[in-house]
Amino acid sequence: MDLETMVKRFVDTFNKICEVTECLKDDLTRFRVIFSAATLYFDLYFRLEEYSDVKGRVERLEALVTQLQEATKP
């Protein structure tokens, strides 16, 4: 699921909670699970994004090292 879809679902759920006048225990449990999952999702999404940036940098460095090794070969 992409970030935009997750944010939309998160906002929809939040809006539904705000409209509720009475809540059963099961509803509260369901909302807690949804928000916990969203929190974990956002954290993992942004960590994965950082990982992708680091991975790209490492790949560029590896390419530069290979070029330098080729350039210094006798």
N, C-alpha and C. Protein backbone atom coordinates (compact mmCIF):
# COMPACT_ATOMS: atom_id res chain seq x y z
N MET A 1 0.84 -1.17 0.00
CA MET A 1 0.00 0.00 0.00
C MET A 1 0.90 1.24 0.00
N ASP A 2 0.59 2.19 -0.85
CA ASP A 2 1.42 3.40 -0.91
C ASP A 2 1.04 4.36 0.23
N LEU A 3 1.90 5.33 0.43
CA LEU A 3 1.73 6.27 1.54
C LEU A 3 0.43 7.07 1.41
N GLU A 4 0.10 7.51 0.21
CA GLU A 4 -1.10 8.31 0.01
C GLU A 4 -2.37 7.54 0.41
N THR A 5 -2.45 6.28 0.02
CA THR A 5 -3.60 5.46 0.38
C THR A 5 -3.69 5.29 1.89
N MET A 6 -2.54 5.05 2.53
CA MET A 6 -2.54 4.87 3.98
C MET A 6 -2.98 6.14 4.69
N VAL A 7 -2.51 7.28 4.24
CA VAL A 7 -2.91 8.55 4.86
C VAL A 7 -4.41 8.78 4.69
N LYS A 8 -4.95 8.49 3.51
CA LYS A 8 -6.39 8.65 3.28
C LYS A 8 -7.19 7.75 4.22
N ARG A 9 -6.77 6.51 4.38
CA ARG A 9 -7.49 5.60 5.28
C ARG A 9 -7.38 6.07 6.73
N PHE A 10 -6.23 6.55 7.10
CA PHE A 10 -6.00 7.06 8.44
C PHE A 10 -6.93 8.25 8.70
N VAL A 11 -7.01 9.17 7.77
CA VAL A 11 -7.87 10.36 7.91
C VAL A 11 -9.34 9.95 7.92
N ASP A 12 -9.73 9.02 7.05
CA ASP A 12 -11.12 8.55 7.04
C ASP A 12 -11.50 7.94 8.39
N THR A 13 -10.63 7.13 8.92
CA THR A 13 -10.90 6.51 10.22
C THR A 13 -11.00 7.57 11.31
N PHE A 14 -10.09 8.52 11.29
CA PHE A 14 -10.12 9.60 12.28
C PHE A 14 -11.43 10.37 12.20
N ASN A 15 -11.86 10.69 10.98
CA ASN A 15 -13.12 11.41 10.80
C ASN A 15 -14.31 10.60 11.31
N LYS A 16 -14.30 9.30 11.06
CA LYS A 16 -15.39 8.45 11.55
C LYS A 16 -15.42 8.44 13.08
N ILE A 17 -14.26 8.40 13.68
CA ILE A 17 -14.19 8.42 15.14
C ILE A 17 -14.78 9.72 15.68
N CYS A 18 -14.46 10.82 15.01
CA CYS A 18 -14.95 12.13 15.46
C CYS A 18 -16.47 12.24 15.34
N GLU A 19 -17.07 11.49 14.42
CA GLU A 19 -18.52 11.53 14.22
C GLU A 19 -19.28 10.62 15.18
N VAL A 20 -18.61 9.70 15.81
CA VAL A 20 -19.26 8.73 16.69
C VAL A 20 -19.68 9.41 17.99
N THR A 21 -20.93 9.17 18.38
CA THR A 21 -21.41 9.72 19.65
C THR A 21 -21.34 8.69 20.76
N GLU A 22 -21.43 7.42 20.40
CA GLU A 22 -21.30 6.34 21.36
C GLU A 22 -20.32 5.31 20.81
N CYS A 23 -19.53 4.76 21.69
CA CYS A 23 -18.54 3.78 21.26
C CYS A 23 -18.62 2.54 22.14
N LEU A 24 -18.63 1.41 21.49
CA LEU A 24 -18.56 0.16 22.23
C LEU A 24 -17.10 -0.21 22.44
N LYS A 25 -16.87 -1.11 23.36
CA LYS A 25 -15.50 -1.55 23.64
C LYS A 25 -14.85 -2.12 22.38
N ASP A 26 -15.60 -2.86 21.60
CA ASP A 26 -15.06 -3.44 20.36
C ASP A 26 -14.64 -2.35 19.37
N ASP A 27 -15.43 -1.27 19.32
CA ASP A 27 -15.08 -0.14 18.43
C ASP A 27 -13.76 0.48 18.87
N LEU A 28 -13.61 0.70 20.16
CA LEU A 28 -12.38 1.29 20.68
C LEU A 28 -11.18 0.41 20.39
N THR A 29 -11.36 -0.90 20.54
CA THR A 29 -10.28 -1.84 20.24
C THR A 29 -9.91 -1.77 18.76
N ARG A 30 -10.92 -1.73 17.91
CA ARG A 30 -10.68 -1.66 16.46
C ARG A 30 -9.94 -0.37 16.10
N PHE A 31 -10.37 0.75 16.67
CA PHE A 31 -9.70 2.03 16.41
C PHE A 31 -8.26 2.01 16.90
N ARG A 32 -8.05 1.43 18.06
CA ARG A 32 -6.69 1.34 18.61
C ARG A 32 -5.79 0.53 17.68
N VAL A 33 -6.31 -0.57 17.17
CA VAL A 33 -5.54 -1.42 16.25
C VAL A 33 -5.22 -0.65 14.97
N ILE A 34 -6.20 0.07 14.45
CA ILE A 34 -5.99 0.83 13.21
C ILE A 34 -4.90 1.88 13.40
N PHE A 35 -4.99 2.64 14.49
CA PHE A 35 -4.00 3.70 14.71
C PHE A 35 -2.63 3.14 15.05
N SER A 36 -2.58 2.02 15.75
CA SER A 36 -1.29 1.38 16.02
C SER A 36 -0.65 0.90 14.73
N ALA A 37 -1.46 0.29 13.87
CA ALA A 37 -0.94 -0.19 12.59
C ALA A 37 -0.46 0.99 11.74
N ALA A 38 -1.22 2.08 11.73
CA ALA A 38 -0.83 3.25 10.95
C ALA A 38 0.48 3.82 11.46
N THR A 39 0.63 3.89 12.77
CA THR A 39 1.87 4.41 13.35
C THR A 39 3.06 3.56 12.93
N LEU A 40 2.91 2.24 13.02
CA LEU A 40 3.99 1.35 12.60
C LEU A 40 4.26 1.49 11.10
N TYR A 41 3.20 1.59 10.32
CA TYR A 41 3.35 1.72 8.86
C TYR A 41 4.15 2.97 8.51
N PHE A 42 3.77 4.11 9.11
CA PHE A 42 4.46 5.36 8.80
C PHE A 42 5.93 5.26 9.19
N ASP A 43 6.20 4.70 10.36
CA ASP A 43 7.58 4.56 10.81
C ASP A 43 8.38 3.69 9.84
N LEU A 44 7.82 2.55 9.47
CA LEU A 44 8.51 1.65 8.53
C LEU A 44 8.66 2.28 7.15
N TYR A 45 7.64 3.00 6.70
CA TYR A 45 7.70 3.62 5.38
C TYR A 45 8.86 4.61 5.30
N PHE A 46 8.98 5.47 6.32
CA PHE A 46 10.03 6.47 6.28
C PHE A 46 11.41 5.86 6.50
N ARG A 47 11.49 4.79 7.27
CA ARG A 47 12.78 4.09 7.41
C ARG A 47 13.18 3.44 6.10
N LEU A 48 12.22 2.87 5.41
CA LEU A 48 12.50 2.25 4.12
C LEU A 48 12.94 3.31 3.11
N GLU A 49 12.31 4.47 3.16
CA GLU A 49 12.70 5.56 2.28
C GLU A 49 14.15 5.98 2.55
N GLU A 50 14.53 6.08 3.83
CA GLU A 50 15.91 6.42 4.20
C GLU A 50 16.86 5.32 3.71
N TYR A 51 16.44 4.06 3.88
CA TYR A 51 17.25 2.93 3.42
C TYR A 51 17.49 3.01 1.92
N SER A 52 16.45 3.37 1.17
CA SER A 52 16.59 3.47 -0.28
C SER A 52 17.59 4.56 -0.65
N ASP A 53 17.57 5.67 0.08
CA ASP A 53 18.53 6.74 -0.17
C ASP A 53 19.95 6.26 0.10
N VAL A 54 20.14 5.58 1.21
CA VAL A 54 21.47 5.08 1.58
C VAL A 54 21.93 4.05 0.56
N LYS A 55 21.03 3.17 0.17
CA LYS A 55 21.37 2.14 -0.81
C LYS A 55 21.83 2.78 -2.12
N GLY A 56 21.13 3.82 -2.56
CA GLY A 56 21.52 4.52 -3.78
C GLY A 56 22.90 5.15 -3.67
N ARG A 57 23.18 5.73 -2.51
CA ARG A 57 24.51 6.33 -2.29
C ARG A 57 25.61 5.27 -2.32
N VAL A 58 25.37 4.14 -1.68
CA VAL A 58 26.35 3.06 -1.66
C VAL A 58 26.61 2.55 -3.08
N GLU A 59 25.55 2.40 -3.85
CA GLU A 59 25.72 1.94 -5.23
C GLU A 59 26.55 2.92 -6.05
N ARG A 60 26.31 4.22 -5.85
CA ARG A 60 27.11 5.22 -6.57
C ARG A 60 28.57 5.17 -6.13
N LEU A 61 28.80 4.99 -4.84
CA LEU A 61 30.18 4.88 -4.34
C LEU A 61 30.88 3.65 -4.88
N GLU A 62 30.16 2.55 -4.95
CA GLU A 62 30.74 1.32 -5.50
C GLU A 62 31.13 1.53 -6.96
N ALA A 63 30.28 2.21 -7.70
CA ALA A 63 30.59 2.49 -9.11
C ALA A 63 31.82 3.38 -9.22
N LEU A 64 31.93 4.37 -8.36
CA LEU A 64 33.11 5.25 -8.37
C LEU A 64 34.38 4.49 -8.01
N VAL A 65 34.29 3.61 -7.04
CA VAL A 65 35.45 2.80 -6.65
C VAL A 65 35.88 1.93 -7.82
N THR A 66 34.95 1.32 -8.49
CA THR A 66 35.25 0.48 -9.65
C THR A 66 35.93 1.31 -10.75
N GLN A 67 35.41 2.52 -10.99
CA GLN A 67 36.03 3.39 -11.99
C GLN A 67 37.45 3.76 -11.60
N LEU A 68 37.66 4.08 -10.34
CA LEU A 68 39.00 4.43 -9.87
C LEU A 68 39.96 3.25 -9.97
N GLN A 69 39.47 2.07 -9.65
CA GLN A 69 40.32 0.88 -9.76
C GLN A 69 40.69 0.63 -11.22
N GLU A 70 39.75 0.80 -12.10
CA GLU A 70 40.03 0.62 -13.53
C GLU A 70 41.02 1.67 -14.03
N ALA A 71 40.87 2.88 -13.54
CA ALA A 71 41.73 3.97 -13.99
C ALA A 71 43.15 3.82 -13.47
N THR A 72 43.34 3.17 -12.34
CA THR A 72 44.68 3.03 -11.76
C THR A 72 45.38 1.75 -12.15
N LYS A 73 44.72 0.88 -12.92
CA LYS A 73 45.35 -0.35 -13.36
C LYS A 73 46.44 -0.01 -14.36
N PRO A 74 47.58 -0.72 -14.25
CA PRO A 74 48.68 -0.45 -15.19
C PRO A 74 48.38 -0.93 -16.60
